[in-house]
Amino acid sequence: MFRRLVAAGPAGSTPQELLRAAKVANATLSFHLKQLVEAKLITQERQGRHRIYRASFGEIGALLAYLAEDCCGGQPCEVDIKTKARR
């Protein structure tokens, strides 16, 4: 779900779109979306009766910078993340 929201870019996605793509139970989707909102990795916006979820690219960038700060104990990193298998 998180990757789908990142891929959706600024347009975001509705829960219905995420449900179709993820093929999980509604309660499961709701639980994970709530956790991602609380972690500030995604945002939720109401548009009429609908909700739009979007990735919080600023927060994601800050998290990645924080995680990479101490990567490899200050030595040059030998891992090429672009060649790692995607899950």
PDB file of N, CA and C in Angstrom:
ATOM      1  N   MET A   1       0.824  -1.182   0.000  1.00  0.00           N
ATOM      2  CA  MET A   1       0.000   0.000   0.000  1.00  0.00           C
ATOM      3  C   MET A   1       0.869   1.247   0.000  1.00  0.00           C
ATOM      4  N   PHE A   2       1.892   1.229   0.826  1.00  0.00           N
ATOM      5  CA  PHE A   2       2.780   2.384   0.901  1.00  0.00           C
ATOM      6  C   PHE A   2       3.453   2.621  -0.451  1.00  0.00           C
ATOM      7  N   ARG A   3       3.947   1.567  -1.057  1.00  0.00           N
ATOM      8  CA  ARG A   3       4.603   1.703  -2.365  1.00  0.00           C
ATOM      9  C   ARG A   3       3.630   2.210  -3.413  1.00  0.00           C
ATOM     10  N   ARG A   4       2.390   1.775  -3.359  1.00  0.00           N
ATOM     11  CA  ARG A   4       1.389   2.255  -4.313  1.00  0.00           C
ATOM     12  C   ARG A   4       1.136   3.744  -4.128  1.00  0.00           C
ATOM     13  N   LEU A   5       1.116   4.194  -2.900  1.00  0.00           N
ATOM     14  CA  LEU A   5       0.921   5.622  -2.652  1.00  0.00           C
ATOM     15  C   LEU A   5       2.129   6.431  -3.123  1.00  0.00           C
ATOM     16  N   VAL A   6       3.312   5.901  -2.935  1.00  0.00           N
ATOM     17  CA  VAL A   6       4.502   6.581  -3.442  1.00  0.00           C
ATOM     18  C   VAL A   6       4.429   6.657  -4.964  1.00  0.00           C
ATOM     19  N   ALA A   7       4.063   5.552  -5.601  1.00  0.00           N
ATOM     20  CA  ALA A   7       3.976   5.516  -7.059  1.00  0.00           C
ATOM     21  C   ALA A   7       2.873   6.433  -7.591  1.00  0.00           C
ATOM     22  N   ALA A   8       1.818   6.625  -6.815  1.00  0.00           N
ATOM     23  CA  ALA A   8       0.700   7.472  -7.250  1.00  0.00           C
ATOM     24  C   ALA A   8       1.094   8.946  -7.286  1.00  0.00           C
ATOM     25  N   GLY A   9       2.159   9.297  -6.582  1.00  0.00           N
ATOM     26  CA  GLY A   9       2.619  10.680  -6.581  1.00  0.00           C
ATOM     27  C   GLY A   9       1.645  11.608  -5.880  1.00  0.00           C
ATOM     28  N   PRO A  10       1.672  12.890  -6.233  1.00  0.00           N
ATOM     29  CA  PRO A  10       0.835  13.888  -5.560  1.00  0.00           C
ATOM     30  C   PRO A  10      -0.668  13.649  -5.713  1.00  0.00           C
ATOM     31  N   ALA A  11      -1.074  12.929  -6.730  1.00  0.00           N
ATOM     32  CA  ALA A  11      -2.506  12.660  -6.929  1.00  0.00           C
ATOM     33  C   ALA A  11      -3.065  11.768  -5.822  1.00  0.00           C
ATOM     34  N   GLY A  12      -2.236  10.873  -5.292  1.00  0.00           N
ATOM     35  CA  GLY A  12      -2.678   9.980  -4.237  1.00  0.00           C
ATOM     36  C   GLY A  12      -3.632   8.920  -4.735  1.00  0.00           C
ATOM     37  N   SER A  13      -4.267   8.231  -3.804  1.00  0.00           N
ATOM     38  CA  SER A  13      -5.209   7.152  -4.108  1.00  0.00           C
ATOM     39  C   SER A  13      -6.327   7.125  -3.081  1.00  0.00           C
ATOM     40  N   THR A  14      -7.442   6.599  -3.506  1.00  0.00           N
ATOM     41  CA  THR A  14      -8.556   6.386  -2.585  1.00  0.00           C
ATOM     42  C   THR A  14      -8.418   5.002  -1.960  1.00  0.00           C
ATOM     43  N   PRO A  15      -9.087   4.774  -0.850  1.00  0.00           N
ATOM     44  CA  PRO A  15      -9.055   3.431  -0.263  1.00  0.00           C
ATOM     45  C   PRO A  15      -9.584   2.366  -1.231  1.00  0.00           C
ATOM     46  N   GLN A  16     -10.574   2.718  -2.032  1.00  0.00           N
ATOM     47  CA  GLN A  16     -11.129   1.759  -2.986  1.00  0.00           C
ATOM     48  C   GLN A  16     -10.074   1.336  -4.009  1.00  0.00           C
ATOM     49  N   GLU A  17      -9.287   2.290  -4.487  1.00  0.00           N
ATOM     50  CA  GLU A  17      -8.218   1.961  -5.435  1.00  0.00           C
ATOM     51  C   GLU A  17      -7.171   1.070  -4.780  1.00  0.00           C
ATOM     52  N   LEU A  18      -6.838   1.374  -3.536  1.00  0.00           N
ATOM     53  CA  LEU A  18      -5.857   0.574  -2.812  1.00  0.00           C
ATOM     54  C   LEU A  18      -6.381  -0.827  -2.532  1.00  0.00           C
ATOM     55  N   LEU A  19      -7.661  -0.934  -2.198  1.00  0.00           N
ATOM     56  CA  LEU A  19      -8.258  -2.249  -1.948  1.00  0.00           C
ATOM     57  C   LEU A  19      -8.198  -3.125  -3.183  1.00  0.00           C
ATOM     58  N   ARG A  20      -8.530  -2.557  -4.337  1.00  0.00           N
ATOM     59  CA  ARG A  20      -8.488  -3.338  -5.582  1.00  0.00           C
ATOM     60  C   ARG A  20      -7.069  -3.811  -5.876  1.00  0.00           C
ATOM     61  N   ALA A  21      -6.101  -2.964  -5.639  1.00  0.00           N
ATOM     62  CA  ALA A  21      -4.715  -3.301  -5.955  1.00  0.00           C
ATOM     63  C   ALA A  21      -4.114  -4.285  -4.951  1.00  0.00           C
ATOM     64  N   ALA A  22      -4.411  -4.102  -3.678  1.00  0.00           N
ATOM     65  CA  ALA A  22      -3.774  -4.905  -2.634  1.00  0.00           C
ATOM     66  C   ALA A  22      -4.498  -6.214  -2.359  1.00  0.00           C
ATOM     67  N   LYS A  23      -5.773  -6.266  -2.649  1.00  0.00           N
ATOM     68  CA  LYS A  23      -6.572  -7.467  -2.405  1.00  0.00           C
ATOM     69  C   LYS A  23      -6.474  -7.927  -0.950  1.00  0.00           C
ATOM     70  N   VAL A  24      -6.734  -7.000  -0.052  1.00  0.00           N
ATOM     71  CA  VAL A  24      -6.762  -7.299   1.380  1.00  0.00           C
ATOM     72  C   VAL A  24      -8.133  -6.910   1.913  1.00  0.00           C
ATOM     73  N   ALA A  25      -8.424  -7.337   3.107  1.00  0.00           N
ATOM     74  CA  ALA A  25      -9.694  -6.988   3.738  1.00  0.00           C
ATOM     75  C   ALA A  25      -9.728  -5.492   4.053  1.00  0.00           C
ATOM     76  N   ASN A  26     -10.907  -4.925   4.042  1.00  0.00           N
ATOM     77  CA  ASN A  26     -11.089  -3.502   4.325  1.00  0.00           C
ATOM     78  C   ASN A  26     -10.497  -3.132   5.687  1.00  0.00           C
ATOM     79  N   ALA A  27     -10.733  -3.977   6.691  1.00  0.00           N
ATOM     80  CA  ALA A  27     -10.211  -3.701   8.031  1.00  0.00           C
ATOM     81  C   ALA A  27      -8.684  -3.697   8.037  1.00  0.00           C
ATOM     82  N   THR A  28      -8.081  -4.582   7.269  1.00  0.00           N
ATOM     83  CA  THR A  28      -6.621  -4.636   7.181  1.00  0.00           C
ATOM     84  C   THR A  28      -6.085  -3.363   6.553  1.00  0.00           C
ATOM     85  N   LEU A  29      -6.713  -2.935   5.465  1.00  0.00           N
ATOM     86  CA  LEU A  29      -6.304  -1.702   4.806  1.00  0.00           C
ATOM     87  C   LEU A  29      -6.430  -0.519   5.760  1.00  0.00           C
ATOM     88  N   SER A  30      -7.557  -0.417   6.430  1.00  0.00           N
ATOM     89  CA  SER A  30      -7.784   0.687   7.361  1.00  0.00           C
ATOM     90  C   SER A  30      -6.734   0.722   8.455  1.00  0.00           C
ATOM     91  N   PHE A  31      -6.408  -0.436   9.004  1.00  0.00           N
ATOM     92  CA  PHE A  31      -5.404  -0.519  10.060  1.00  0.00           C
ATOM     93  C   PHE A  31      -4.060   0.021   9.569  1.00  0.00           C
ATOM     94  N   HIS A  32      -3.622  -0.441   8.402  1.00  0.00           N
ATOM     95  CA  HIS A  32      -2.313  -0.036   7.891  1.00  0.00           C
ATOM     96  C   HIS A  32      -2.287   1.439   7.489  1.00  0.00           C
ATOM     97  N   LEU A  33      -3.350   1.918   6.895  1.00  0.00           N
ATOM     98  CA  LEU A  33      -3.407   3.335   6.538  1.00  0.00           C
ATOM     99  C   LEU A  33      -3.335   4.202   7.790  1.00  0.00           C
ATOM    100  N   LYS A  34      -4.049   3.796   8.832  1.00  0.00           N
ATOM    101  CA  LYS A  34      -4.030   4.552  10.087  1.00  0.00           C
ATOM    102  C   LYS A  34      -2.622   4.594  10.668  1.00  0.00           C
ATOM    103  N   GLN A  35      -1.916   3.465  10.635  1.00  0.00           N
ATOM    104  CA  GLN A  35      -0.554   3.422  11.168  1.00  0.00           C
ATOM    105  C   GLN A  35       0.382   4.318  10.359  1.00  0.00           C
ATOM    106  N   LEU A  36       0.231   4.322   9.040  1.00  0.00           N
ATOM    107  CA  LEU A  36       1.081   5.162   8.190  1.00  0.00           C
ATOM    108  C   LEU A  36       0.780   6.641   8.393  1.00  0.00           C
ATOM    109  N   VAL A  37      -0.490   6.983   8.624  1.00  0.00           N
ATOM    110  CA  VAL A  37      -0.848   8.381   8.917  1.00  0.00           C
ATOM    111  C   VAL A  37      -0.236   8.794  10.247  1.00  0.00           C
ATOM    112  N   GLU A  38      -0.360   7.940  11.259  1.00  0.00           N
ATOM    113  CA  GLU A  38       0.205   8.259  12.578  1.00  0.00           C
ATOM    114  C   GLU A  38       1.718   8.401  12.523  1.00  0.00           C
ATOM    115  N   ALA A  39       2.366   7.647  11.635  1.00  0.00           N
ATOM    116  CA  ALA A  39       3.819   7.743  11.476  1.00  0.00           C
ATOM    117  C   ALA A  39       4.214   8.937  10.605  1.00  0.00           C
ATOM    118  N   LYS A  40       3.210   9.631  10.088  1.00  0.00           N
ATOM    119  CA  LYS A  40       3.400  10.804   9.225  1.00  0.00           C
ATOM    120  C   LYS A  40       4.068  10.470   7.891  1.00  0.00           C
ATOM    121  N   LEU A  41       3.995   9.196   7.477  1.00  0.00           N
ATOM    122  CA  LEU A  41       4.553   8.801   6.190  1.00  0.00           C
ATOM    123  C   LEU A  41       3.551   9.010   5.057  1.00  0.00           C
ATOM    124  N   ILE A  42       2.266   9.121   5.418  1.00  0.00           N
ATOM    125  CA  ILE A  42       1.234   9.455   4.444  1.00  0.00           C
ATOM    126  C   ILE A  42       0.281  10.469   5.078  1.00  0.00           C
ATOM    127  N   THR A  43      -0.479  11.146   4.216  1.00  0.00           N
ATOM    128  CA  THR A  43      -1.500  12.071   4.698  1.00  0.00           C
ATOM    129  C   THR A  43      -2.859  11.603   4.210  1.00  0.00           C
ATOM    130  N   GLN A  44      -3.880  12.095   4.867  1.00  0.00           N
ATOM    131  CA  GLN A  44      -5.260  11.784   4.496  1.00  0.00           C
ATOM    132  C   GLN A  44      -5.996  13.101   4.307  1.00  0.00           C
ATOM    133  N   GLU A  45      -6.716  13.216   3.217  1.00  0.00           N
ATOM    134  CA  GLU A  45      -7.500  14.416   2.935  1.00  0.00           C
ATOM    135  C   GLU A  45      -8.908  14.013   2.544  1.00  0.00           C
ATOM    136  N   ARG A  46      -9.870  14.711   3.089  1.00  0.00           N
ATOM    137  CA  ARG A  46     -11.264  14.465   2.711  1.00  0.00           C
ATOM    138  C   ARG A  46     -11.615  15.325   1.513  1.00  0.00           C
ATOM    139  N   GLN A  47     -12.230  14.710   0.520  1.00  0.00           N
ATOM    140  CA  GLN A  47     -12.783  15.426  -0.632  1.00  0.00           C
ATOM    141  C   GLN A  47     -14.230  14.978  -0.751  1.00  0.00           C
ATOM    142  N   GLY A  48     -15.111  15.750  -0.153  1.00  0.00           N
ATOM    143  CA  GLY A  48     -16.514  15.345  -0.110  1.00  0.00           C
ATOM    144  C   GLY A  48     -16.659  14.112   0.752  1.00  0.00           C
ATOM    145  N   ARG A  49     -17.257  13.066   0.189  1.00  0.00           N
ATOM    146  CA  ARG A  49     -17.417  11.813   0.927  1.00  0.00           C
ATOM    147  C   ARG A  49     -16.197  10.929   0.847  1.00  0.00           C
ATOM    148  N   HIS A  50     -15.259  11.279   0.002  1.00  0.00           N
ATOM    149  CA  HIS A  50     -14.105  10.428  -0.256  1.00  0.00           C
ATOM    150  C   HIS A  50     -12.879  10.879   0.533  1.00  0.00           C
ATOM    151  N   ARG A  51     -11.976   9.941   0.719  1.00  0.00           N
ATOM    152  CA  ARG A  51     -10.690  10.224   1.342  1.00  0.00           C
ATOM    153  C   ARG A  51      -9.601   9.961   0.311  1.00  0.00           C
ATOM    154  N   ILE A  52      -8.633  10.831   0.297  1.00  0.00           N
ATOM    155  CA  ILE A  52      -7.484  10.666  -0.578  1.00  0.00           C
ATOM    156  C   ILE A  52      -6.250  10.522   0.300  1.00  0.00           C
ATOM    157  N   TYR A  53      -5.508   9.476   0.068  1.00  0.00           N
ATOM    158  CA  TYR A  53      -4.266   9.242   0.802  1.00  0.00           C
ATOM    159  C   TYR A  53      -3.100   9.553  -0.130  1.00  0.00           C
ATOM    160  N   ARG A  54      -2.093  10.237   0.418  1.00  0.00           N
ATOM    161  CA  ARG A  54      -0.915  10.615  -0.351  1.00  0.00           C
ATOM    162  C   ARG A  54       0.343  10.337   0.464  1.00  0.00           C
ATOM    163  N   ALA A  55       1.400   9.972  -0.236  1.00  0.00           N
ATOM    164  CA  ALA A  55       2.696   9.809   0.420  1.00  0.00           C
ATOM    165  C   ALA A  55       3.200  11.184   0.851  1.00  0.00           C
ATOM    166  N   SER A  56       3.813  11.250   2.018  1.00  0.00           N
ATOM    167  CA  SER A  56       4.409  12.494   2.538  1.00  0.00           C
ATOM    168  C   SER A  56       5.888  12.487   2.159  1.00  0.00           C
ATOM    169  N   PHE A  57       6.179  12.975   0.954  1.00  0.00           N
ATOM    170  CA  PHE A  57       7.533  12.854   0.427  1.00  0.00           C
ATOM    171  C   PHE A  57       8.579  13.563   1.277  1.00  0.00           C
ATOM    172  N   GLY A  58       8.227  14.668   1.897  1.00  0.00           N
ATOM    173  CA  GLY A  58       9.172  15.355   2.786  1.00  0.00           C
ATOM    174  C   GLY A  58       9.542  14.498   3.981  1.00  0.00           C
ATOM    175  N   GLU A  59       8.537  13.890   4.590  1.00  0.00           N
ATOM    176  CA  GLU A  59       8.772  13.015   5.749  1.00  0.00           C
ATOM    177  C   GLU A  59       9.540  11.767   5.341  1.00  0.00           C
ATOM    178  N   ILE A  60       9.214  11.217   4.184  1.00  0.00           N
ATOM    179  CA  ILE A  60       9.916  10.022   3.704  1.00  0.00           C
ATOM    180  C   ILE A  60      11.391  10.353   3.477  1.00  0.00           C
ATOM    181  N   GLY A  61      11.653  11.494   2.850  1.00  0.00           N
ATOM    182  CA  GLY A  61      13.038  11.917   2.617  1.00  0.00           C
ATOM    183  C   GLY A  61      13.797  12.116   3.913  1.00  0.00           C
ATOM    184  N   ALA A  62      13.137  12.721   4.897  1.00  0.00           N
ATOM    185  CA  ALA A  62      13.780  12.933   6.199  1.00  0.00           C
ATOM    186  C   ALA A  62      14.093  11.605   6.880  1.00  0.00           C
ATOM    187  N   LEU A  63      13.170  10.650   6.784  1.00  0.00           N
ATOM    188  CA  LEU A  63      13.400   9.327   7.377  1.00  0.00           C
ATOM    189  C   LEU A  63      14.568   8.629   6.690  1.00  0.00           C
ATOM    190  N   LEU A  64      14.597   8.679   5.372  1.00  0.00           N
ATOM    191  CA  LEU A  64      15.698   8.039   4.642  1.00  0.00           C
ATOM    192  C   LEU A  64      17.041   8.686   4.995  1.00  0.00           C
ATOM    193  N   ALA A  65      17.064  10.001   5.097  1.00  0.00           N
ATOM    194  CA  ALA A  65      18.297  10.696   5.467  1.00  0.00           C
ATOM    195  C   ALA A  65      18.748  10.285   6.863  1.00  0.00           C
ATOM    196  N   TYR A  66      17.796  10.194   7.789  1.00  0.00           N
ATOM    197  CA  TYR A  66      18.109   9.780   9.156  1.00  0.00           C
ATOM    198  C   TYR A  66      18.668   8.357   9.174  1.00  0.00           C
ATOM    199  N   LEU A  67      18.032   7.458   8.449  1.00  0.00           N
ATOM    200  CA  LEU A  67      18.471   6.064   8.431  1.00  0.00           C
ATOM    201  C   LEU A  67      19.835   5.911   7.764  1.00  0.00           C
ATOM    202  N   ALA A  68      20.113   6.724   6.751  1.00  0.00           N
ATOM    203  CA  ALA A  68      21.371   6.621   6.023  1.00  0.00           C
ATOM    204  C   ALA A  68      22.511   7.347   6.728  1.00  0.00           C
ATOM    205  N   GLU A  69      22.177   8.182   7.702  1.00  0.00           N
ATOM    206  CA  GLU A  69      23.188   8.997   8.378  1.00  0.00           C
ATOM    207  C   GLU A  69      24.332   8.171   8.943  1.00  0.00           C
ATOM    208  N   ASP A  70      24.025   7.071   9.556  1.00  0.00           N
ATOM    209  CA  ASP A  70      25.053   6.228  10.165  1.00  0.00           C
ATOM    210  C   ASP A  70      25.305   4.956   9.368  1.00  0.00           C
ATOM    211  N   CYS A  71      24.877   4.953   8.125  1.00  0.00           N
ATOM    212  CA  CYS A  71      25.027   3.778   7.281  1.00  0.00           C
ATOM    213  C   CYS A  71      26.501   3.381   7.171  1.00  0.00           C
ATOM    214  N   CYS A  72      26.764   2.128   7.330  1.00  0.00           N
ATOM    215  CA  CYS A  72      28.099   1.543   7.139  1.00  0.00           C
ATOM    216  C   CYS A  72      29.145   2.130   8.085  1.00  0.00           C
ATOM    217  N   GLY A  73      28.712   2.618   9.225  1.00  0.00           N
ATOM    218  CA  GLY A  73      29.644   3.117  10.233  1.00  0.00           C
ATOM    219  C   GLY A  73      30.533   4.245   9.748  1.00  0.00           C
ATOM    220  N   GLY A  74      30.019   5.079   8.851  1.00  0.00           N
ATOM    221  CA  GLY A  74      30.779   6.210   8.352  1.00  0.00           C
ATOM    222  C   GLY A  74      31.702   5.880   7.185  1.00  0.00           C
ATOM    223  N   GLN A  75      31.776   4.606   6.827  1.00  0.00           N
ATOM    224  CA  GLN A  75      32.597   4.176   5.689  1.00  0.00           C
ATOM    225  C   GLN A  75      31.774   4.264   4.405  1.00  0.00           C
ATOM    226  N   PRO A  76      32.430   4.333   3.257  1.00  0.00           N
ATOM    227  CA  PRO A  76      31.674   4.333   1.998  1.00  0.00           C
ATOM    228  C   PRO A  76      30.783   3.091   1.915  1.00  0.00           C
ATOM    229  N   CYS A  77      29.571   3.304   1.529  1.00  0.00           N
ATOM    230  CA  CYS A  77      28.602   2.208   1.463  1.00  0.00           C
ATOM    231  C   CYS A  77      28.835   1.382   0.202  1.00  0.00           C
ATOM    232  N   GLU A  78      28.910   0.081   0.371  1.00  0.00           N
ATOM    233  CA  GLU A  78      29.158  -0.805  -0.761  1.00  0.00           C
ATOM    234  C   GLU A  78      27.880  -1.435  -1.293  1.00  0.00           C
ATOM    235  N   VAL A  79      26.746  -1.088  -0.733  1.00  0.00           N
ATOM    236  CA  VAL A  79      25.479  -1.671  -1.161  1.00  0.00           C
ATOM    237  C   VAL A  79      24.821  -0.750  -2.172  1.00  0.00           C
ATOM    238  N   ASP A  80      24.468  -1.287  -3.319  1.00  0.00           N
ATOM    239  CA  ASP A  80      23.749  -0.533  -4.334  1.00  0.00           C
ATOM    240  C   ASP A  80      22.274  -0.862  -4.176  1.00  0.00           C
ATOM    241  N   ILE A  81      21.518   0.040  -3.552  1.00  0.00           N
ATOM    242  CA  ILE A  81      20.116  -0.246  -3.240  1.00  0.00           C
ATOM    243  C   ILE A  81      19.270  -0.423  -4.497  1.00  0.00           C
ATOM    244  N   LYS A  82      19.685   0.117  -5.614  1.00  0.00           N
ATOM    245  CA  LYS A  82      18.900  -0.008  -6.842  1.00  0.00           C
ATOM    246  C   LYS A  82      18.927  -1.424  -7.394  1.00  0.00           C
ATOM    247  N   THR A  83      19.930  -2.215  -7.030  1.00  0.00           N
ATOM    248  CA  THR A  83      20.001  -3.583  -7.544  1.00  0.00           C
ATOM    249  C   THR A  83      19.405  -4.597  -6.582  1.00  0.00           C
ATOM    250  N   LYS A  84      18.989  -4.149  -5.412  1.00  0.00           N
ATOM    251  CA  LYS A  84      18.362  -5.055  -4.452  1.00  0.00           C
ATOM    252  C   LYS A  84      17.005  -5.504  -4.970  1.00  0.00           C
ATOM    253  N   ALA A  85      16.625  -6.707  -4.640  1.00  0.00           N
ATOM    254  CA  ALA A  85      15.328  -7.240  -5.075  1.00  0.00           C
ATOM    255  C   ALA A  85      14.205  -6.452  -4.430  1.00  0.00           C
ATOM    256  N   ARG A  86      13.177  -6.198  -5.198  1.00  0.00           N
ATOM    257  CA  ARG A  86      12.003  -5.493  -4.682  1.00  0.00           C
ATOM    258  C   ARG A  86      11.017  -6.503  -4.131  1.00  0.00           C
ATOM    259  N   ARG A  87      10.342  -6.109  -3.053  1.00  0.00           N
ATOM    260  CA  ARG A  87       9.362  -7.003  -2.429  1.00  0.00           C
ATOM    261  C   ARG A  87       7.977  -6.561  -2.767  1.00  0.00           C
TER     262      ARG A  87
END
